């Protein structure tokens, strides 16, 4: 029973993190809005189940990466708020990872949706 309670508590913490990310982080809101656009487009265009799997995976990966990027940036800010070239590098690299995932996800969405639109 203790194990189950601990798992429920862990889920509560994770859900709180997702909600806090949405409330406090502009980029998380942007990614969630993009997810809503993708879902709406998928429903309207009646995409295939395989395309749904691919697009949902892309959206989840991008949102997860943004949350991880936020955690990295906030952790760096706890270390120092002063200008630091190593901290800048860490923040730039983690932001670059999110950008790479976003560009890949947009490319996938364009490839999927293009055949329905044209």
C-alpha atoms as a PDB file:
ATOM      1  CA  UNK A   1       0.000   0.000   0.000  1.00  0.00           C
ATOM      2  CA  UNK A   2       2.868   2.369   0.795  1.00  0.00           C
ATOM      3  CA  UNK A   3       4.296   1.740  -2.682  1.00  0.00           C
ATOM      4  CA  UNK A   4       0.986   2.673  -4.317  1.00  0.00           C
ATOM      5  CA  UNK A   5       0.652   5.859  -2.256  1.00  0.00           C
ATOM      6  CA  UNK A   6       4.168   6.879  -3.257  1.00  0.00           C
ATOM      7  CA  UNK A   7       3.335   6.341  -6.960  1.00  0.00           C
ATOM      8  CA  UNK A   8       0.161   8.424  -6.662  1.00  0.00           C
ATOM      9  CA  UNK A   9       2.146  11.180  -4.950  1.00  0.00           C
ATOM     10  CA  UNK A  10       4.772  11.053  -7.704  1.00  0.00           C
ATOM     11  CA  UNK A  11       2.023  11.420 -10.316  1.00  0.00           C
ATOM     12  CA  UNK A  12       0.622  14.412  -8.410  1.00  0.00           C
ATOM     13  CA  UNK A  13       4.060  16.068  -8.419  1.00  0.00           C
ATOM     14  CA  UNK A  14       4.476  15.432 -12.134  1.00  0.00           C
ATOM     15  CA  UNK A  15       1.017  16.795 -12.934  1.00  0.00           C
ATOM     16  CA  UNK A  16       1.766  19.868 -10.804  1.00  0.00           C
ATOM     17  CA  UNK A  17       4.960  20.385 -12.801  1.00  0.00           C
ATOM     18  CA  UNK A  18       3.017  20.246 -16.054  1.00  0.00           C
ATOM     19  CA  UNK A  19       0.445  22.757 -14.780  1.00  0.00           C
ATOM     20  CA  UNK A  20       3.151  25.065 -13.391  1.00  0.00           C
ATOM     21  CA  UNK A  21       5.013  24.907 -16.688  1.00  0.00           C
ATOM     22  CA  UNK A  22       1.858  25.946 -18.505  1.00  0.00           C
ATOM     23  CA  UNK A  23       1.053  28.742 -16.047  1.00  0.00           C
ATOM     24  CA  UNK A  24       4.539  30.258 -15.830  1.00  0.00           C
ATOM     25  CA  UNK A  25       6.307  29.521 -19.111  1.00  0.00           C
ATOM     26  CA  UNK A  26       5.366  31.340 -22.308  1.00  0.00           C
ATOM     27  CA  UNK A  27       7.053  28.782 -24.545  1.00  0.00           C
ATOM     28  CA  UNK A  28       5.116  25.921 -22.950  1.00  0.00           C
ATOM     29  CA  UNK A  29       1.918  27.830 -23.736  1.00  0.00           C
ATOM     30  CA  UNK A  30       3.073  28.326 -27.333  1.00  0.00           C
ATOM     31  CA  UNK A  31       3.830  24.608 -27.729  1.00  0.00           C
ATOM     32  CA  UNK A  32       0.479  23.659 -26.215  1.00  0.00           C
ATOM     33  CA  UNK A  33      -1.285  26.068 -28.574  1.00  0.00           C
ATOM     34  CA  UNK A  34       0.579  24.478 -31.487  1.00  0.00           C
ATOM     35  CA  UNK A  35      -0.561  21.069 -30.203  1.00  0.00           C
ATOM     36  CA  UNK A  36      -4.162  22.307 -30.187  1.00  0.00           C
ATOM     37  CA  UNK A  37      -3.753  23.524 -33.783  1.00  0.00           C
ATOM     38  CA  UNK A  38      -2.316  20.142 -34.809  1.00  0.00           C
ATOM     39  CA  UNK A  39      -5.150  18.250 -33.098  1.00  0.00           C
ATOM     40  CA  UNK A  40      -7.766  20.501 -34.698  1.00  0.00           C
ATOM     41  CA  UNK A  41      -6.127  20.078 -38.096  1.00  0.00           C
ATOM     42  CA  UNK A  42      -5.941  16.318 -37.643  1.00  0.00           C
ATOM     43  CA  UNK A  43      -9.628  16.079 -36.758  1.00  0.00           C
ATOM     44  CA  UNK A  44     -10.687  18.383 -39.598  1.00  0.00           C
ATOM     45  CA  UNK A  45      -8.540  16.617 -42.200  1.00  0.00           C
ATOM     46  CA  UNK A  46      -9.298  13.093 -40.881  1.00  0.00           C
ATOM     47  CA  UNK A  47      -5.689  11.932 -40.725  1.00  0.00           C
ATOM     48  CA  UNK A  48      -4.827   8.247 -40.383  1.00  0.00           C
ATOM     49  CA  UNK A  49      -4.172   6.509 -37.036  1.00  0.00           C
ATOM     50  CA  UNK A  50      -0.472   6.215 -37.904  1.00  0.00           C
ATOM     51  CA  UNK A  51      -0.306   9.954 -38.620  1.00  0.00           C
ATOM     52  CA  UNK A  52      -2.022  10.615 -35.266  1.00  0.00           C
ATOM     53  CA  UNK A  53       0.619   8.542 -33.487  1.00  0.00           C
ATOM     54  CA  UNK A  54       3.435  10.422 -35.191  1.00  0.00           C
ATOM     55  CA  UNK A  55       1.973  13.888 -34.553  1.00  0.00           C
ATOM     56  CA  UNK A  56       1.036  13.173 -30.927  1.00  0.00           C
ATOM     57  CA  UNK A  57       4.544  11.815 -30.311  1.00  0.00           C
ATOM     58  CA  UNK A  58       6.062  14.959 -31.851  1.00  0.00           C
ATOM     59  CA  UNK A  59       3.901  17.247 -29.716  1.00  0.00           C
ATOM     60  CA  UNK A  60       4.673  15.335 -26.508  1.00  0.00           C
ATOM     61  CA  UNK A  61       8.393  15.280 -27.242  1.00  0.00           C
ATOM     62  CA  UNK A  62       8.522  19.036 -27.914  1.00  0.00           C
ATOM     63  CA  UNK A  63       6.532  19.912 -24.773  1.00  0.00           C
ATOM     64  CA  UNK A  64       8.688  17.556 -22.689  1.00  0.00           C
ATOM     65  CA  UNK A  65      11.864  19.071 -24.115  1.00  0.00           C
ATOM     66  CA  UNK A  66      10.616  22.565 -23.304  1.00  0.00           C
ATOM     67  CA  UNK A  67       9.907  21.546 -19.709  1.00  0.00           C
ATOM     68  CA  UNK A  68      13.377  19.986 -19.419  1.00  0.00           C
ATOM     69  CA  UNK A  69      14.910  23.133 -20.943  1.00  0.00           C
ATOM     70  CA  UNK A  70      13.058  25.236 -18.380  1.00  0.00           C
ATOM     71  CA  UNK A  71      14.322  23.038 -15.546  1.00  0.00           C
ATOM     72  CA  UNK A  72      17.893  23.341 -16.836  1.00  0.00           C
ATOM     73  CA  UNK A  73      17.633  27.126 -17.144  1.00  0.00           C
ATOM     74  CA  UNK A  74      16.108  27.519 -13.682  1.00  0.00           C
ATOM     75  CA  UNK A  75      18.793  25.278 -12.185  1.00  0.00           C
ATOM     76  CA  UNK A  76      21.484  27.384 -13.851  1.00  0.00           C
ATOM     77  CA  UNK A  77      19.866  30.518 -12.414  1.00  0.00           C
ATOM     78  CA  UNK A  78      20.092  28.985  -8.938  1.00  0.00           C
ATOM     79  CA  UNK A  79      23.824  28.529  -9.428  1.00  0.00           C
ATOM     80  CA  UNK A  80      24.431  32.138 -10.457  1.00  0.00           C
ATOM     81  CA  UNK A  81      22.573  35.100 -11.921  1.00  0.00           C
ATOM     82  CA  UNK A  82      25.850  36.732 -12.919  1.00  0.00           C
ATOM     83  CA  UNK A  83      27.057  36.545 -16.511  1.00  0.00           C
ATOM     84  CA  UNK A  84      28.881  33.271 -16.961  1.00  0.00           C
ATOM     85  CA  UNK A  85      30.016  31.877 -20.308  1.00  0.00           C
ATOM     86  CA  UNK A  86      29.575  28.252 -19.213  1.00  0.00           C
ATOM     87  CA  UNK A  87      26.024  28.872 -17.968  1.00  0.00           C
ATOM     88  CA  UNK A  88      25.237  30.689 -21.230  1.00  0.00           C
ATOM     89  CA  UNK A  89      26.576  27.713 -23.179  1.00  0.00           C
ATOM     90  CA  UNK A  90      24.431  25.269 -21.182  1.00  0.00           C
ATOM     91  CA  UNK A  91      21.310  27.398 -21.684  1.00  0.00           C
ATOM     92  CA  UNK A  92      22.003  27.869 -25.393  1.00  0.00           C
ATOM     93  CA  UNK A  93      22.546  24.143 -25.936  1.00  0.00           C
ATOM     94  CA  UNK A  94      19.327  23.171 -24.123  1.00  0.00           C
ATOM     95  CA  UNK A  95      17.353  25.819 -26.035  1.00  0.00           C
ATOM     96  CA  UNK A  96      18.940  24.587 -29.259  1.00  0.00           C
ATOM     97  CA  UNK A  97      17.733  21.065 -28.508  1.00  0.00           C
ATOM     98  CA  UNK A  98      14.171  22.339 -28.221  1.00  0.00           C
ATOM     99  CA  UNK A  99      14.543  24.308 -31.450  1.00  0.00           C
ATOM    100  CA  UNK A 100      15.837  21.227 -33.288  1.00  0.00           C
ATOM    101  CA  UNK A 101      12.845  19.192 -32.080  1.00  0.00           C
ATOM    102  CA  UNK A 102      10.437  21.987 -33.045  1.00  0.00           C
ATOM    103  CA  UNK A 103      11.887  22.263 -36.550  1.00  0.00           C
ATOM    104  CA  UNK A 104      11.721  18.498 -36.991  1.00  0.00           C
ATOM    105  CA  UNK A 105       8.149  18.368 -35.695  1.00  0.00           C
ATOM    106  CA  UNK A 106       7.018  21.200 -37.954  1.00  0.00           C
ATOM    107  CA  UNK A 107       8.634  19.435 -40.912  1.00  0.00           C
ATOM    108  CA  UNK A 108       6.772  16.229 -40.057  1.00  0.00           C
ATOM    109  CA  UNK A 109       3.474  18.115 -39.672  1.00  0.00           C
ATOM    110  CA  UNK A 110       3.979  19.833 -43.033  1.00  0.00           C
ATOM    111  CA  UNK A 111       4.698  16.484 -44.708  1.00  0.00           C
ATOM    112  CA  UNK A 112       1.591  14.919 -43.170  1.00  0.00           C
ATOM    113  CA  UNK A 113      -0.829  17.791 -43.716  1.00  0.00           C
ATOM    114  CA  UNK A 114       0.352  18.782 -47.205  1.00  0.00           C
ATOM    115  CA  UNK A 115      -1.221  15.754 -48.867  1.00  0.00           C
ATOM    116  CA  UNK A 116      -4.615  16.660 -47.369  1.00  0.00           C
ATOM    117  CA  UNK A 117      -4.488  20.347 -48.207  1.00  0.00           C
ATOM    118  CA  UNK A 118      -3.166  20.171 -51.778  1.00  0.00           C
END
